[in-house]
Amino acid sequence: MAFDDAAFWHLISGTRGGPNRLQILLELSRRPYNANQLSELLALDYKTTKRHLELLLQASLVQISEEPKYGELYFITDYAKEKIKDFEKSLEKIRKW
């Protein structure tokens, strides 16, 4: 799936699940997790977490360690790392206002 900045911002801020997807990306920027670990860490239902991860996979914002199977680890992509840095810079500017 081709992904651009507008699509990224829509996925994160233009949809109801955006805050959860952003939190998932932030956690994955710190270290890899499997879906169960993320659901526990973020206090989200496992199925909800899996759905967010599927959307992030389709958008090429996360990748998995191997072929899809139970317990695979999710990693943030380089593109997502860049977008997270941009997001944090924007937040910093807002805080300075």
C-alpha atoms as a PDB file:
ATOM      1  CA  MET A   1       0.000   0.000   0.000  1.00  0.00           C
ATOM      2  CA  ALA A   2       1.384   3.372  -0.962  1.00  0.00           C
ATOM      3  CA  PHE A   3       1.274   5.646   2.020  1.00  0.00           C
ATOM      4  CA  ASP A   4       1.758   9.363   2.300  1.00  0.00           C
ATOM      5  CA  ASP A   5       1.789  11.942   5.066  1.00  0.00           C
ATOM      6  CA  ALA A   6      -1.906  12.790   4.693  1.00  0.00           C
ATOM      7  CA  ALA A   7      -2.861   9.127   4.996  1.00  0.00           C
ATOM      8  CA  PHE A   8      -0.641   8.765   8.058  1.00  0.00           C
ATOM      9  CA  TRP A   9      -2.233  11.752   9.806  1.00  0.00           C
ATOM     10  CA  HIS A  10      -5.714  10.534   8.916  1.00  0.00           C
ATOM     11  CA  LEU A  11      -4.975   7.089  10.364  1.00  0.00           C
ATOM     12  CA  ILE A  12      -3.663   8.664  13.583  1.00  0.00           C
ATOM     13  CA  SER A  13      -5.838  11.724  14.095  1.00  0.00           C
ATOM     14  CA  GLY A  14      -8.760  11.469  11.704  1.00  0.00           C
ATOM     15  CA  THR A  15     -10.321   8.279  13.007  1.00  0.00           C
ATOM     16  CA  ARG A  16     -11.797   7.119  16.285  1.00  0.00           C
ATOM     17  CA  GLY A  17      -9.075   4.515  16.856  1.00  0.00           C
ATOM     18  CA  GLY A  18      -6.270   6.945  16.050  1.00  0.00           C
ATOM     19  CA  PRO A  19      -5.150   7.554  19.633  1.00  0.00           C
ATOM     20  CA  ASN A  20      -4.818   3.801  20.225  1.00  0.00           C
ATOM     21  CA  ARG A  21      -2.851   3.359  16.994  1.00  0.00           C
ATOM     22  CA  LEU A  22      -0.581   6.247  17.965  1.00  0.00           C
ATOM     23  CA  GLN A  23       0.012   4.679  21.380  1.00  0.00           C
ATOM     24  CA  ILE A  24       0.850   1.362  19.718  1.00  0.00           C
ATOM     25  CA  LEU A  25       3.363   3.092  17.452  1.00  0.00           C
ATOM     26  CA  LEU A  26       4.900   4.939  20.385  1.00  0.00           C
ATOM     27  CA  GLU A  27       5.325   1.710  22.346  1.00  0.00           C
ATOM     28  CA  LEU A  28       6.773  -0.095  19.326  1.00  0.00           C
ATOM     29  CA  SER A  29       9.226   2.750  18.827  1.00  0.00           C
ATOM     30  CA  ARG A  30      10.700   1.787  22.208  1.00  0.00           C
ATOM     31  CA  ARG A  31      10.916  -1.970  21.568  1.00  0.00           C
ATOM     32  CA  PRO A  32       9.147  -4.832  19.749  1.00  0.00           C
ATOM     33  CA  TYR A  33       6.064  -6.423  21.304  1.00  0.00           C
ATOM     34  CA  ASN A  34       3.631  -9.155  20.382  1.00  0.00           C
ATOM     35  CA  ALA A  35      -0.102  -8.420  20.230  1.00  0.00           C
ATOM     36  CA  ASN A  36      -0.812  -9.888  23.657  1.00  0.00           C
ATOM     37  CA  GLN A  37       1.915  -7.828  25.318  1.00  0.00           C
ATOM     38  CA  LEU A  38       0.618  -4.658  23.665  1.00  0.00           C
ATOM     39  CA  SER A  39      -2.967  -5.356  24.670  1.00  0.00           C
ATOM     40  CA  GLU A  40      -1.910  -5.810  28.300  1.00  0.00           C
ATOM     41  CA  LEU A  41       0.419  -2.808  28.277  1.00  0.00           C
ATOM     42  CA  LEU A  42      -2.235  -0.504  26.815  1.00  0.00           C
ATOM     43  CA  ALA A  43      -5.201  -2.080  28.628  1.00  0.00           C
ATOM     44  CA  LEU A  44      -6.936  -2.811  25.328  1.00  0.00           C
ATOM     45  CA  ASP A  45      -8.948  -5.834  24.296  1.00  0.00           C
ATOM     46  CA  TYR A  46      -6.771  -8.334  22.400  1.00  0.00           C
ATOM     47  CA  LYS A  47      -9.047  -8.290  19.329  1.00  0.00           C
ATOM     48  CA  THR A  48      -8.980  -4.491  19.295  1.00  0.00           C
ATOM     49  CA  THR A  49      -5.194  -4.517  19.465  1.00  0.00           C
ATOM     50  CA  LYS A  50      -4.988  -7.060  16.641  1.00  0.00           C
ATOM     51  CA  ARG A  51      -7.295  -4.933  14.480  1.00  0.00           C
ATOM     52  CA  HIS A  52      -5.145  -1.839  15.034  1.00  0.00           C
ATOM     53  CA  LEU A  53      -2.011  -3.847  14.226  1.00  0.00           C
ATOM     54  CA  GLU A  54      -3.616  -5.144  11.019  1.00  0.00           C
ATOM     55  CA  LEU A  55      -4.371  -1.575   9.927  1.00  0.00           C
ATOM     56  CA  LEU A  56      -0.831  -0.486  10.786  1.00  0.00           C
ATOM     57  CA  LEU A  57       0.567  -3.475   8.849  1.00  0.00           C
ATOM     58  CA  GLN A  58      -1.557  -2.612   5.805  1.00  0.00           C
ATOM     59  CA  ALA A  59      -0.270   0.951   6.014  1.00  0.00           C
ATOM     60  CA  SER A  60       3.349  -0.320   6.227  1.00  0.00           C
ATOM     61  CA  LEU A  61       3.822   1.430   9.568  1.00  0.00           C
ATOM     62  CA  VAL A  62       4.660  -1.800  11.388  1.00  0.00           C
ATOM     63  CA  GLN A  63       6.153  -5.097  10.296  1.00  0.00           C
ATOM     64  CA  ILE A  64       6.218  -8.533  11.863  1.00  0.00           C
ATOM     65  CA  SER A  65       9.183 -10.684  12.791  1.00  0.00           C
ATOM     66  CA  GLU A  66       8.240 -13.656  10.582  1.00  0.00           C
ATOM     67  CA  GLU A  67       5.304 -15.119   8.733  1.00  0.00           C
ATOM     68  CA  PRO A  68       2.114 -14.312  10.624  1.00  0.00           C
ATOM     69  CA  LYS A  69       1.648 -16.727  13.519  1.00  0.00           C
ATOM     70  CA  TYR A  70       0.637 -16.538  17.145  1.00  0.00           C
ATOM     71  CA  GLY A  71       3.141 -14.597  19.230  1.00  0.00           C
ATOM     72  CA  GLU A  72       5.006 -12.901  16.387  1.00  0.00           C
ATOM     73  CA  LEU A  73       6.728  -9.665  17.295  1.00  0.00           C
ATOM     74  CA  TYR A  74       5.755  -6.342  15.753  1.00  0.00           C
ATOM     75  CA  PHE A  75       8.339  -3.712  14.852  1.00  0.00           C
ATOM     76  CA  ILE A  76       7.873  -0.116  13.790  1.00  0.00           C
ATOM     77  CA  THR A  77       9.059   0.710  10.246  1.00  0.00           C
ATOM     78  CA  ASP A  78      11.600   3.394   9.421  1.00  0.00           C
ATOM     79  CA  TYR A  79       8.855   5.489   7.819  1.00  0.00           C
ATOM     80  CA  ALA A  80       6.786   5.308  11.009  1.00  0.00           C
ATOM     81  CA  LYS A  81       9.836   6.251  13.100  1.00  0.00           C
ATOM     82  CA  GLU A  82      10.216   9.354  10.962  1.00  0.00           C
ATOM     83  CA  LYS A  83       6.528  10.235  11.335  1.00  0.00           C
ATOM     84  CA  ILE A  84       6.674   9.727  15.123  1.00  0.00           C
ATOM     85  CA  LYS A  85       9.631  12.136  15.302  1.00  0.00           C
ATOM     86  CA  ASP A  86       7.635  14.673  13.260  1.00  0.00           C
ATOM     87  CA  PHE A  87       4.668  14.206  15.592  1.00  0.00           C
ATOM     88  CA  GLU A  88       6.817  14.718  18.689  1.00  0.00           C
ATOM     89  CA  LYS A  89       8.326  17.891  17.161  1.00  0.00           C
ATOM     90  CA  SER A  90       4.824  19.207  16.486  1.00  0.00           C
ATOM     91  CA  LEU A  91       3.788  18.474  20.062  1.00  0.00           C
ATOM     92  CA  GLU A  92       6.859  20.285  21.347  1.00  0.00           C
ATOM     93  CA  LYS A  93       5.958  23.374  19.301  1.00  0.00           C
ATOM     94  CA  ILE A  94       2.408  23.287  20.654  1.00  0.00           C
ATOM     95  CA  ARG A  95       3.677  23.023  24.229  1.00  0.00           C
ATOM     96  CA  LYS A  96       5.848  26.105  23.719  1.00  0.00           C
ATOM     97  CA  TRP A  97       2.856  28.226  22.691  1.00  0.00           C
END
